[in-house]
Amino acid sequence: ISESAIGSAFDACELCGAEGYYQSGASVIC
């Protein structure tokens, strides 16, 4: 997420549940 940090999270959202995320180019998408 930056030059000195790694973002860590569950592959789940409070709104959409456990559907998860994927990457498309430079974007992360629900």
mmCIF file of all heavy atoms, coordinates in Angstrom:
data_MODEL
# 
_entry.id   MODEL 
# 
loop_
_atom_site.group_PDB 
_atom_site.id 
_atom_site.type_symbol 
_atom_site.label_atom_id 
_atom_site.label_alt_id 
_atom_site.label_comp_id 
_atom_site.label_asym_id 
_atom_site.label_entity_id 
_atom_site.label_seq_id 
_atom_site.pdbx_PDB_ins_code 
_atom_site.Cartn_x 
_atom_site.Cartn_y 
_atom_site.Cartn_z 
_atom_site.occupancy 
_atom_site.B_iso_or_equiv 
_atom_site.pdbx_formal_charge 
_atom_site.auth_seq_id 
_atom_site.auth_comp_id 
_atom_site.auth_asym_id 
_atom_site.auth_atom_id 
_atom_site.pdbx_PDB_model_num 
ATOM 1   N N   . ILE A 1 1  ? 0.818   -1.220  0.000   1.00 0.00 ? 1  ILE A N   1 
ATOM 2   C CA  . ILE A 1 1  ? 0.000   0.000   0.000   1.00 0.00 ? 1  ILE A CA  1 
ATOM 3   C C   . ILE A 1 1  ? 0.851   1.271   0.000   1.00 0.00 ? 1  ILE A C   1 
ATOM 4   O O   . ILE A 1 1  ? 0.336   2.350   -0.232  1.00 0.00 ? 1  ILE A O   1 
ATOM 5   C CB  . ILE A 1 1  ? -1.008  0.022   1.167   1.00 0.00 ? 1  ILE A CB  1 
ATOM 6   C CG1 . ILE A 1 1  ? -0.312  -0.077  2.516   1.00 0.00 ? 1  ILE A CG1 1 
ATOM 7   C CG2 . ILE A 1 1  ? -2.045  -1.092  0.999   1.00 0.00 ? 1  ILE A CG2 1 
ATOM 8   C CD1 . ILE A 1 1  ? -1.220  0.161   3.704   1.00 0.00 ? 1  ILE A CD1 1 
ATOM 9   N N   . SER A 1 2  ? 2.143   1.136   0.280   1.00 0.00 ? 2  SER A N   1 
ATOM 10  C CA  . SER A 1 2  ? 3.077   2.259   0.203   1.00 0.00 ? 2  SER A CA  1 
ATOM 11  C C   . SER A 1 2  ? 4.482   1.674   0.127   1.00 0.00 ? 2  SER A C   1 
ATOM 12  O O   . SER A 1 2  ? 4.654   0.451   0.196   1.00 0.00 ? 2  SER A O   1 
ATOM 13  C CB  . SER A 1 2  ? 2.934   3.188   1.412   1.00 0.00 ? 2  SER A CB  1 
ATOM 14  O OG  . SER A 1 2  ? 3.492   2.595   2.563   1.00 0.00 ? 2  SER A OG  1 
ATOM 15  N N   . GLU A 1 3  ? 5.467   2.541   0.020   1.00 0.00 ? 3  GLU A N   1 
ATOM 16  C CA  . GLU A 1 3  ? 6.850   2.046   -0.069  1.00 0.00 ? 3  GLU A CA  1 
ATOM 17  C C   . GLU A 1 3  ? 7.280   1.264   1.167   1.00 0.00 ? 3  GLU A C   1 
ATOM 18  O O   . GLU A 1 3  ? 8.162   0.425   1.089   1.00 0.00 ? 3  GLU A O   1 
ATOM 19  C CB  . GLU A 1 3  ? 7.813   3.214   -0.314  1.00 0.00 ? 3  GLU A CB  1 
ATOM 20  C CG  . GLU A 1 3  ? 7.765   3.734   -1.726  1.00 0.00 ? 3  GLU A CG  1 
ATOM 21  C CD  . GLU A 1 3  ? 7.969   2.638   -2.772  1.00 0.00 ? 3  GLU A CD  1 
ATOM 22  O OE1 . GLU A 1 3  ? 8.922   1.843   -2.661  1.00 0.00 ? 3  GLU A OE1 1 
ATOM 23  O OE2 . GLU A 1 3  ? 7.150   2.579   -3.713  1.00 0.00 ? 3  GLU A OE2 1 
ATOM 24  N N   . SER A 1 4  ? 6.640   1.534   2.298   1.00 0.00 ? 4  SER A N   1 
ATOM 25  C CA  . SER A 1 4  ? 7.076   0.880   3.535   1.00 0.00 ? 4  SER A CA  1 
ATOM 26  C C   . SER A 1 4  ? 5.986   0.076   4.225   1.00 0.00 ? 4  SER A C   1 
ATOM 27  O O   . SER A 1 4  ? 6.189   -0.372  5.350   1.00 0.00 ? 4  SER A O   1 
ATOM 28  C CB  . SER A 1 4  ? 7.606   1.937   4.504   1.00 0.00 ? 4  SER A CB  1 
ATOM 29  O OG  . SER A 1 4  ? 6.572   2.856   4.815   1.00 0.00 ? 4  SER A OG  1 
ATOM 30  N N   . ALA A 1 5  ? 4.846   -0.129  3.561   1.00 0.00 ? 5  ALA A N   1 
ATOM 31  C CA  . ALA A 1 5  ? 3.741   -0.809  4.252   1.00 0.00 ? 5  ALA A CA  1 
ATOM 32  C C   . ALA A 1 5  ? 3.038   -1.816  3.348   1.00 0.00 ? 5  ALA A C   1 
ATOM 33  O O   . ALA A 1 5  ? 2.920   -1.620  2.141   1.00 0.00 ? 5  ALA A O   1 
ATOM 34  C CB  . ALA A 1 5  ? 2.736   0.212   4.764   1.00 0.00 ? 5  ALA A CB  1 
ATOM 35  N N   . ILE A 1 6  ? 2.566   -2.876  3.980   1.00 0.00 ? 6  ILE A N   1 
ATOM 36  C CA  . ILE A 1 6  ? 1.746   -3.898  3.337   1.00 0.00 ? 6  ILE A CA  1 
ATOM 37  C C   . ILE A 1 6  ? 0.380   -3.861  4.009   1.00 0.00 ? 6  ILE A C   1 
ATOM 38  O O   . ILE A 1 6  ? 0.288   -3.933  5.233   1.00 0.00 ? 6  ILE A O   1 
ATOM 39  C CB  . ILE A 1 6  ? 2.363   -5.310  3.497   1.00 0.00 ? 6  ILE A CB  1 
ATOM 40  C CG1 . ILE A 1 6  ? 3.781   -5.361  2.921   1.00 0.00 ? 6  ILE A CG1 1 
ATOM 41  C CG2 . ILE A 1 6  ? 1.456   -6.370  2.882   1.00 0.00 ? 6  ILE A CG2 1 
ATOM 42  C CD1 . ILE A 1 6  ? 3.879   -5.232  1.423   1.00 0.00 ? 6  ILE A CD1 1 
ATOM 43  N N   . GLY A 1 7  ? -0.677  -3.734  3.210   1.00 0.00 ? 7  GLY A N   1 
ATOM 44  C CA  . GLY A 1 7  ? -2.032  -3.776  3.748   1.00 0.00 ? 7  GLY A CA  1 
ATOM 45  C C   . GLY A 1 7  ? -2.462  -5.214  3.948   1.00 0.00 ? 7  GLY A C   1 
ATOM 46  O O   . GLY A 1 7  ? -2.195  -6.077  3.100   1.00 0.00 ? 7  GLY A O   1 
ATOM 47  N N   . SER A 1 8  ? -3.091  -5.484  5.065   1.00 0.00 ? 8  SER A N   1 
ATOM 48  C CA  . SER A 1 8  ? -3.592  -6.839  5.342   1.00 0.00 ? 8  SER A CA  1 
ATOM 49  C C   . SER A 1 8  ? -5.053  -6.734  5.764   1.00 0.00 ? 8  SER A C   1 
ATOM 50  O O   . SER A 1 8  ? -5.433  -5.853  6.537   1.00 0.00 ? 8  SER A O   1 
ATOM 51  C CB  . SER A 1 8  ? -2.753  -7.519  6.424   1.00 0.00 ? 8  SER A CB  1 
ATOM 52  O OG  . SER A 1 8  ? -2.734  -6.757  7.612   1.00 0.00 ? 8  SER A OG  1 
ATOM 53  N N   . ALA A 1 9  ? -5.865  -7.647  5.209   1.00 0.00 ? 9  ALA A N   1 
ATOM 54  C CA  . ALA A 1 9  ? -7.301  -7.607  5.484   1.00 0.00 ? 9  ALA A CA  1 
ATOM 55  C C   . ALA A 1 9  ? -7.898  -8.972  5.164   1.00 0.00 ? 9  ALA A C   1 
ATOM 56  O O   . ALA A 1 9  ? -7.322  -9.759  4.399   1.00 0.00 ? 9  ALA A O   1 
ATOM 57  C CB  . ALA A 1 9  ? -7.971  -6.536  4.630   1.00 0.00 ? 9  ALA A CB  1 
ATOM 58  N N   . PHE A 1 10 ? -9.061  -9.220  5.734   1.00 0.00 ? 10 PHE A N   1 
ATOM 59  C CA  . PHE A 1 10 ? -9.806  -10.416 5.356   1.00 0.00 ? 10 PHE A CA  1 
ATOM 60  C C   . PHE A 1 10 ? -10.354 -10.219 3.944   1.00 0.00 ? 10 PHE A C   1 
ATOM 61  O O   . PHE A 1 10 ? -10.602 -9.097  3.506   1.00 0.00 ? 10 PHE A O   1 
ATOM 62  C CB  . PHE A 1 10 ? -10.954 -10.668 6.342   1.00 0.00 ? 10 PHE A CB  1 
ATOM 63  C CG  . PHE A 1 10 ? -10.480 -11.088 7.706   1.00 0.00 ? 10 PHE A CG  1 
ATOM 64  C CD1 . PHE A 1 10 ? -10.485 -10.185 8.756   1.00 0.00 ? 10 PHE A CD1 1 
ATOM 65  C CD2 . PHE A 1 10 ? -10.016 -12.374 7.931   1.00 0.00 ? 10 PHE A CD2 1 
ATOM 66  C CE1 . PHE A 1 10 ? -10.035 -10.562 10.015  1.00 0.00 ? 10 PHE A CE1 1 
ATOM 67  C CE2 . PHE A 1 10 ? -9.567  -12.761 9.180   1.00 0.00 ? 10 PHE A CE2 1 
ATOM 68  C CZ  . PHE A 1 10 ? -9.582  -11.857 10.230  1.00 0.00 ? 10 PHE A CZ  1 
ATOM 69  N N   . ASP A 1 11 ? -10.563 -11.303 3.236   1.00 0.00 ? 11 ASP A N   1 
ATOM 70  C CA  . ASP A 1 11 ? -11.140 -11.253 1.887   1.00 0.00 ? 11 ASP A CA  1 
ATOM 71  C C   . ASP A 1 11 ? -12.656 -11.204 2.025   1.00 0.00 ? 11 ASP A C   1 
ATOM 72  O O   . ASP A 1 11 ? -13.379 -12.056 1.504   1.00 0.00 ? 11 ASP A O   1 
ATOM 73  C CB  . ASP A 1 11 ? -10.676 -12.459 1.077   1.00 0.00 ? 11 ASP A CB  1 
ATOM 74  C CG  . ASP A 1 11 ? -10.992 -12.343 -0.402  1.00 0.00 ? 11 ASP A CG  1 
ATOM 75  O OD1 . ASP A 1 11 ? -11.210 -11.216 -0.888  1.00 0.00 ? 11 ASP A OD1 1 
ATOM 76  O OD2 . ASP A 1 11 ? -11.031 -13.395 -1.077  1.00 0.00 ? 11 ASP A OD2 1 
ATOM 77  N N   . ALA A 1 12 ? -13.128 -10.205 2.770   1.00 0.00 ? 12 ALA A N   1 
ATOM 78  C CA  . ALA A 1 12 ? -14.552 -10.058 3.064   1.00 0.00 ? 12 ALA A CA  1 
ATOM 79  C C   . ALA A 1 12 ? -14.823 -8.598  3.422   1.00 0.00 ? 12 ALA A C   1 
ATOM 80  O O   . ALA A 1 12 ? -13.926 -7.871  3.834   1.00 0.00 ? 12 ALA A O   1 
ATOM 81  C CB  . ALA A 1 12 ? -14.960 -10.953 4.232   1.00 0.00 ? 12 ALA A CB  1 
ATOM 82  N N   . CYS A 1 13 ? -16.090 -8.223  3.278   1.00 0.00 ? 13 CYS A N   1 
ATOM 83  C CA  . CYS A 1 13 ? -16.525 -6.844  3.483   1.00 0.00 ? 13 CYS A CA  1 
ATOM 84  C C   . CYS A 1 13 ? -17.701 -6.832  4.453   1.00 0.00 ? 13 CYS A C   1 
ATOM 85  O O   . CYS A 1 13 ? -18.510 -7.766  4.446   1.00 0.00 ? 13 CYS A O   1 
ATOM 86  C CB  . CYS A 1 13 ? -16.943 -6.298  2.114   1.00 0.00 ? 13 CYS A CB  1 
ATOM 87  S SG  . CYS A 1 13 ? -17.840 -4.755  2.120   1.00 0.00 ? 13 CYS A SG  1 
ATOM 88  N N   . GLU A 1 14 ? -17.798 -5.789  5.258   1.00 0.00 ? 14 GLU A N   1 
ATOM 89  C CA  . GLU A 1 14 ? -18.944 -5.673  6.169   1.00 0.00 ? 14 GLU A CA  1 
ATOM 90  C C   . GLU A 1 14 ? -20.253 -5.553  5.412   1.00 0.00 ? 14 GLU A C   1 
ATOM 91  O O   . GLU A 1 14 ? -21.299 -5.971  5.892   1.00 0.00 ? 14 GLU A O   1 
ATOM 92  C CB  . GLU A 1 14 ? -18.758 -4.470  7.093   1.00 0.00 ? 14 GLU A CB  1 
ATOM 93  C CG  . GLU A 1 14 ? -17.680 -4.689  8.129   1.00 0.00 ? 14 GLU A CG  1 
ATOM 94  C CD  . GLU A 1 14 ? -17.521 -3.506  9.066   1.00 0.00 ? 14 GLU A CD  1 
ATOM 95  O OE1 . GLU A 1 14 ? -18.413 -2.640  9.124   1.00 0.00 ? 14 GLU A OE1 1 
ATOM 96  O OE2 . GLU A 1 14 ? -16.486 -3.462  9.751   1.00 0.00 ? 14 GLU A OE2 1 
ATOM 97  N N   . LEU A 1 15 ? -20.225 -4.971  4.216   1.00 0.00 ? 15 LEU A N   1 
ATOM 98  C CA  . LEU A 1 15 ? -21.447 -4.761  3.442   1.00 0.00 ? 15 LEU A CA  1 
ATOM 99  C C   . LEU A 1 15 ? -21.795 -5.951  2.555   1.00 0.00 ? 15 LEU A C   1 
ATOM 100 O O   . LEU A 1 15 ? -22.953 -6.342  2.463   1.00 0.00 ? 15 LEU A O   1 
ATOM 101 C CB  . LEU A 1 15 ? -21.320 -3.489  2.591   1.00 0.00 ? 15 LEU A CB  1 
ATOM 102 C CG  . LEU A 1 15 ? -21.024 -2.206  3.369   1.00 0.00 ? 15 LEU A CG  1 
ATOM 103 C CD1 . LEU A 1 15 ? -20.754 -1.057  2.420   1.00 0.00 ? 15 LEU A CD1 1 
ATOM 104 C CD2 . LEU A 1 15 ? -22.160 -1.874  4.308   1.00 0.00 ? 15 LEU A CD2 1 
ATOM 105 N N   . CYS A 1 16 ? -20.806 -6.522  1.888   1.00 0.00 ? 16 CYS A N   1 
ATOM 106 C CA  . CYS A 1 16 ? -21.057 -7.576  0.895   1.00 0.00 ? 16 CYS A CA  1 
ATOM 107 C C   . CYS A 1 16 ? -20.725 -8.976  1.393   1.00 0.00 ? 16 CYS A C   1 
ATOM 108 O O   . CYS A 1 16 ? -20.894 -9.945  0.663   1.00 0.00 ? 16 CYS A O   1 
ATOM 109 C CB  . CYS A 1 16 ? -20.276 -7.289  -0.387  1.00 0.00 ? 16 CYS A CB  1 
ATOM 110 S SG  . CYS A 1 16 ? -20.829 -5.792  -1.230  1.00 0.00 ? 16 CYS A SG  1 
ATOM 111 N N   . GLY A 1 17 ? -20.226 -9.103  2.608   1.00 0.00 ? 17 GLY A N   1 
ATOM 112 C CA  . GLY A 1 17 ? -19.926 -10.425 3.142   1.00 0.00 ? 17 GLY A CA  1 
ATOM 113 C C   . GLY A 1 17 ? -18.663 -11.021 2.547   1.00 0.00 ? 17 GLY A C   1 
ATOM 114 O O   . GLY A 1 17 ? -17.711 -10.327 2.223   1.00 0.00 ? 17 GLY A O   1 
ATOM 115 N N   . ALA A 1 18 ? -18.693 -12.338 2.352   1.00 0.00 ? 18 ALA A N   1 
ATOM 116 C CA  . ALA A 1 18 ? -17.494 -13.097 1.979   1.00 0.00 ? 18 ALA A CA  1 
ATOM 117 C C   . ALA A 1 18 ? -17.313 -13.261 0.479   1.00 0.00 ? 18 ALA A C   1 
ATOM 118 O O   . ALA A 1 18 ? -16.612 -14.161 0.035   1.00 0.00 ? 18 ALA A O   1 
ATOM 119 C CB  . ALA A 1 18 ? -17.539 -14.465 2.649   1.00 0.00 ? 18 ALA A CB  1 
ATOM 120 N N   . GLU A 1 19 ? -17.922 -12.397 -0.312  1.00 0.00 ? 19 GLU A N   1 
ATOM 121 C CA  . GLU A 1 19 ? -17.744 -12.498 -1.765  1.00 0.00 ? 19 GLU A CA  1 
ATOM 122 C C   . GLU A 1 19 ? -16.283 -12.321 -2.159  1.00 0.00 ? 19 GLU A C   1 
ATOM 123 O O   . GLU A 1 19 ? -15.787 -12.982 -3.047  1.00 0.00 ? 19 GLU A O   1 
ATOM 124 C CB  . GLU A 1 19 ? -18.609 -11.464 -2.494  1.00 0.00 ? 19 GLU A CB  1 
ATOM 125 C CG  . GLU A 1 19 ? -20.090 -11.710 -2.353  1.00 0.00 ? 19 GLU A CG  1 
ATOM 126 C CD  . GLU A 1 19 ? -20.537 -13.023 -2.974  1.00 0.00 ? 19 GLU A CD  1 
ATOM 127 O OE1 . GLU A 1 19 ? -20.040 -13.381 -4.053  1.00 0.00 ? 19 GLU A OE1 1 
ATOM 128 O OE2 . GLU A 1 19 ? -21.372 -13.690 -2.358  1.00 0.00 ? 19 GLU A OE2 1 
ATOM 129 N N   . GLY A 1 20 ? -15.592 -11.398 -1.515  1.00 0.00 ? 20 GLY A N   1 
ATOM 130 C CA  . GLY A 1 20 ? -14.174 -11.215 -1.751  1.00 0.00 ? 20 GLY A CA  1 
ATOM 131 C C   . GLY A 1 20 ? -13.852 -10.162 -2.789  1.00 0.00 ? 20 GLY A C   1 
ATOM 132 O O   . GLY A 1 20 ? -14.718 -9.421  -3.258  1.00 0.00 ? 20 GLY A O   1 
ATOM 133 N N   . TYR A 1 21 ? -12.586 -10.118 -3.155  1.00 0.00 ? 21 TYR A N   1 
ATOM 134 C CA  . TYR A 1 21 ? -12.036 -9.075  -4.009  1.00 0.00 ? 21 TYR A CA  1 
ATOM 135 C C   . TYR A 1 21 ? -11.141 -9.682  -5.071  1.00 0.00 ? 21 TYR A C   1 
ATOM 136 O O   . TYR A 1 21 ? -10.634 -10.787 -4.917  1.00 0.00 ? 21 TYR A O   1 
ATOM 137 C CB  . TYR A 1 21 ? -11.211 -8.091  -3.169  1.00 0.00 ? 21 TYR A CB  1 
ATOM 138 C CG  . TYR A 1 21 ? -12.023 -7.405  -2.107  1.00 0.00 ? 21 TYR A CG  1 
ATOM 139 C CD1 . TYR A 1 21 ? -12.240 -8.011  -0.867  1.00 0.00 ? 21 TYR A CD1 1 
ATOM 140 C CD2 . TYR A 1 21 ? -12.612 -6.173  -2.338  1.00 0.00 ? 21 TYR A CD2 1 
ATOM 141 C CE1 . TYR A 1 21 ? -13.007 -7.396  0.103   1.00 0.00 ? 21 TYR A CE1 1 
ATOM 142 C CE2 . TYR A 1 21 ? -13.381 -5.552  -1.367  1.00 0.00 ? 21 TYR A CE2 1 
ATOM 143 C CZ  . TYR A 1 21 ? -13.576 -6.175  -0.158  1.00 0.00 ? 21 TYR A CZ  1 
ATOM 144 O OH  . TYR A 1 21 ? -14.337 -5.570  0.802   1.00 0.00 ? 21 TYR A OH  1 
ATOM 145 N N   . TYR A 1 22 ? -10.939 -8.928  -6.142  1.00 0.00 ? 22 TYR A N   1 
ATOM 146 C CA  . TYR A 1 22 ? -9.978  -9.310  -7.166  1.00 0.00 ? 22 TYR A CA  1 
ATOM 147 C C   . TYR A 1 22 ? -9.272  -8.051  -7.647  1.00 0.00 ? 22 TYR A C   1 
ATOM 148 O O   . TYR A 1 22 ? -9.725  -6.937  -7.386  1.00 0.00 ? 22 TYR A O   1 
ATOM 149 C CB  . TYR A 1 22 ? -10.654 -10.043 -8.332  1.00 0.00 ? 22 TYR A CB  1 
ATOM 150 C CG  . TYR A 1 22 ? -11.584 -9.189  -9.163  1.00 0.00 ? 22 TYR A CG  1 
ATOM 151 C CD1 . TYR A 1 22 ? -11.136 -8.571  -10.332 1.00 0.00 ? 22 TYR A CD1 1 
ATOM 152 C CD2 . TYR A 1 22 ? -12.920 -8.991  -8.777  1.00 0.00 ? 22 TYR A CD2 1 
ATOM 153 C CE1 . TYR A 1 22 ? -11.988 -7.780  -11.087 1.00 0.00 ? 22 TYR A CE1 1 
ATOM 154 C CE2 . TYR A 1 22 ? -13.768 -8.210  -9.536  1.00 0.00 ? 22 TYR A CE2 1 
ATOM 155 C CZ  . TYR A 1 22 ? -13.298 -7.600  -10.692 1.00 0.00 ? 22 TYR A CZ  1 
ATOM 156 O OH  . TYR A 1 22 ? -14.144 -6.819  -11.439 1.00 0.00 ? 22 TYR A OH  1 
ATOM 157 N N   . GLN A 1 23 ? -8.170  -8.248  -8.355  1.00 0.00 ? 23 GLN A N   1 
ATOM 158 C CA  . GLN A 1 23 ? -7.425  -7.116  -8.883  1.00 0.00 ? 23 GLN A CA  1 
ATOM 159 C C   . GLN A 1 23 ? -7.638  -7.033  -10.385 1.00 0.00 ? 23 GLN A C   1 
ATOM 160 O O   . GLN A 1 23 ? -7.601  -8.036  -11.093 1.00 0.00 ? 23 GLN A O   1 
ATOM 161 C CB  . GLN A 1 23 ? -5.940  -7.258  -8.576  1.00 0.00 ? 23 GLN A CB  1 
ATOM 162 C CG  . GLN A 1 23 ? -5.135  -6.037  -8.979  1.00 0.00 ? 23 GLN A CG  1 
ATOM 163 C CD  . GLN A 1 23 ? -3.711  -6.075  -8.461  1.00 0.00 ? 23 GLN A CD  1 
ATOM 164 O OE1 . GLN A 1 23 ? -3.236  -7.099  -7.980  1.00 0.00 ? 23 GLN A OE1 1 
ATOM 165 N NE2 . GLN A 1 23 ? -3.020  -4.956  -8.543  1.00 0.00 ? 23 GLN A NE2 1 
ATOM 166 N N   . SER A 1 24 ? -7.874  -5.828  -10.851 1.00 0.00 ? 24 SER A N   1 
ATOM 167 C CA  . SER A 1 24 ? -7.976  -5.553  -12.279 1.00 0.00 ? 24 SER A CA  1 
ATOM 168 C C   . SER A 1 24 ? -7.061  -4.374  -12.569 1.00 0.00 ? 24 SER A C   1 
ATOM 169 O O   . SER A 1 24 ? -7.354  -3.246  -12.158 1.00 0.00 ? 24 SER A O   1 
ATOM 170 C CB  . SER A 1 24 ? -9.421  -5.232  -12.657 1.00 0.00 ? 24 SER A CB  1 
ATOM 171 O OG  . SER A 1 24 ? -9.523  -4.911  -14.030 1.00 0.00 ? 24 SER A OG  1 
ATOM 172 N N   . GLY A 1 25 ? -5.938  -4.639  -13.206 1.00 0.00 ? 25 GLY A N   1 
ATOM 173 C CA  . GLY A 1 25 ? -4.960  -3.575  -13.426 1.00 0.00 ? 25 GLY A CA  1 
ATOM 174 C C   . GLY A 1 25 ? -4.456  -3.024  -12.110 1.00 0.00 ? 25 GLY A C   1 
ATOM 175 O O   . GLY A 1 25 ? -4.026  -3.770  -11.250 1.00 0.00 ? 25 GLY A O   1 
ATOM 176 N N   . ALA A 1 26 ? -4.581  -1.717  -11.929 1.00 0.00 ? 26 ALA A N   1 
ATOM 177 C CA  . ALA A 1 26 ? -4.125  -1.077  -10.703 1.00 0.00 ? 26 ALA A CA  1 
ATOM 178 C C   . ALA A 1 26 ? -5.245  -0.912  -9.683  1.00 0.00 ? 26 ALA A C   1 
ATOM 179 O O   . ALA A 1 26 ? -5.104  -0.167  -8.724  1.00 0.00 ? 26 ALA A O   1 
ATOM 180 C CB  . ALA A 1 26 ? -3.515  0.286   -11.028 1.00 0.00 ? 26 ALA A CB  1 
ATOM 181 N N   . SER A 1 27 ? -6.362  -1.609  -9.891  1.00 0.00 ? 27 SER A N   1 
ATOM 182 C CA  . SER A 1 27 ? -7.513  -1.472  -8.993  1.00 0.00 ? 27 SER A CA  1 
ATOM 183 C C   . SER A 1 27 ? -7.832  -2.791  -8.301  1.00 0.00 ? 27 SER A C   1 
ATOM 184 O O   . SER A 1 27 ? -7.652  -3.866  -8.871  1.00 0.00 ? 27 SER A O   1 
ATOM 185 C CB  . SER A 1 27 ? -8.751  -1.044  -9.788  1.00 0.00 ? 27 SER A CB  1 
ATOM 186 O OG  . SER A 1 27 ? -8.535  0.194   -10.410 1.00 0.00 ? 27 SER A OG  1 
ATOM 187 N N   . VAL A 1 28 ? -8.334  -2.691  -7.072  1.00 0.00 ? 28 VAL A N   1 
ATOM 188 C CA  . VAL A 1 28 ? -8.888  -3.833  -6.355  1.00 0.00 ? 28 VAL A CA  1 
ATOM 189 C C   . VAL A 1 28 ? -10.396 -3.632  -6.343  1.00 0.00 ? 28 VAL A C   1 
ATOM 190 O O   . VAL A 1 28 ? -10.882 -2.547  -6.002  1.00 0.00 ? 28 VAL A O   1 
ATOM 191 C CB  . VAL A 1 28 ? -8.310  -3.943  -4.921  1.00 0.00 ? 28 VAL A CB  1 
ATOM 192 C CG1 . VAL A 1 28 ? -9.027  -5.008  -4.118  1.00 0.00 ? 28 VAL A CG1 1 
ATOM 193 C CG2 . VAL A 1 28 ? -6.811  -4.252  -4.988  1.00 0.00 ? 28 VAL A CG2 1 
ATOM 194 N N   . ILE A 1 29 ? -11.143 -4.660  -6.739  1.00 0.00 ? 29 ILE A N   1 
ATOM 195 C CA  . ILE A 1 29 ? -12.580 -4.564  -6.969  1.00 0.00 ? 29 ILE A CA  1 
ATOM 196 C C   . ILE A 1 29 ? -13.329 -5.595  -6.119  1.00 0.00 ? 29 ILE A C   1 
ATOM 197 O O   . ILE A 1 29 ? -12.898 -6.743  -6.014  1.00 0.00 ? 29 ILE A O   1 
ATOM 198 C CB  . ILE A 1 29 ? -12.908 -4.843  -8.456  1.00 0.00 ? 29 ILE A CB  1 
ATOM 199 C CG1 . ILE A 1 29 ? -12.012 -4.058  -9.399  1.00 0.00 ? 29 ILE A CG1 1 
ATOM 200 C CG2 . ILE A 1 29 ? -14.387 -4.653  -8.749  1.00 0.00 ? 29 ILE A CG2 1 
ATOM 201 C CD1 . ILE A 1 29 ? -12.291 -2.609  -9.511  1.00 0.00 ? 29 ILE A CD1 1 
ATOM 202 N N   . CYS A 1 30 ? -14.466 -5.185  -5.546  1.00 0.00 ? 30 CYS A N   1 
ATOM 203 C CA  . CYS A 1 30 ? -15.343 -6.102  -4.818  1.00 0.00 ? 30 CYS A CA  1 
ATOM 204 C C   . CYS A 1 30 ? -16.049 -7.006  -5.833  1.00 0.00 ? 30 CYS A C   1 
ATOM 205 O O   . CYS A 1 30 ? -16.629 -6.517  -6.810  1.00 0.00 ? 30 CYS A O   1 
ATOM 206 C CB  . CYS A 1 30 ? -16.367 -5.313  -4.016  1.00 0.00 ? 30 CYS A CB  1 
ATOM 207 S SG  . CYS A 1 30 ? -17.613 -6.351  -3.202  1.00 0.00 ? 30 CYS A SG  1 
# 
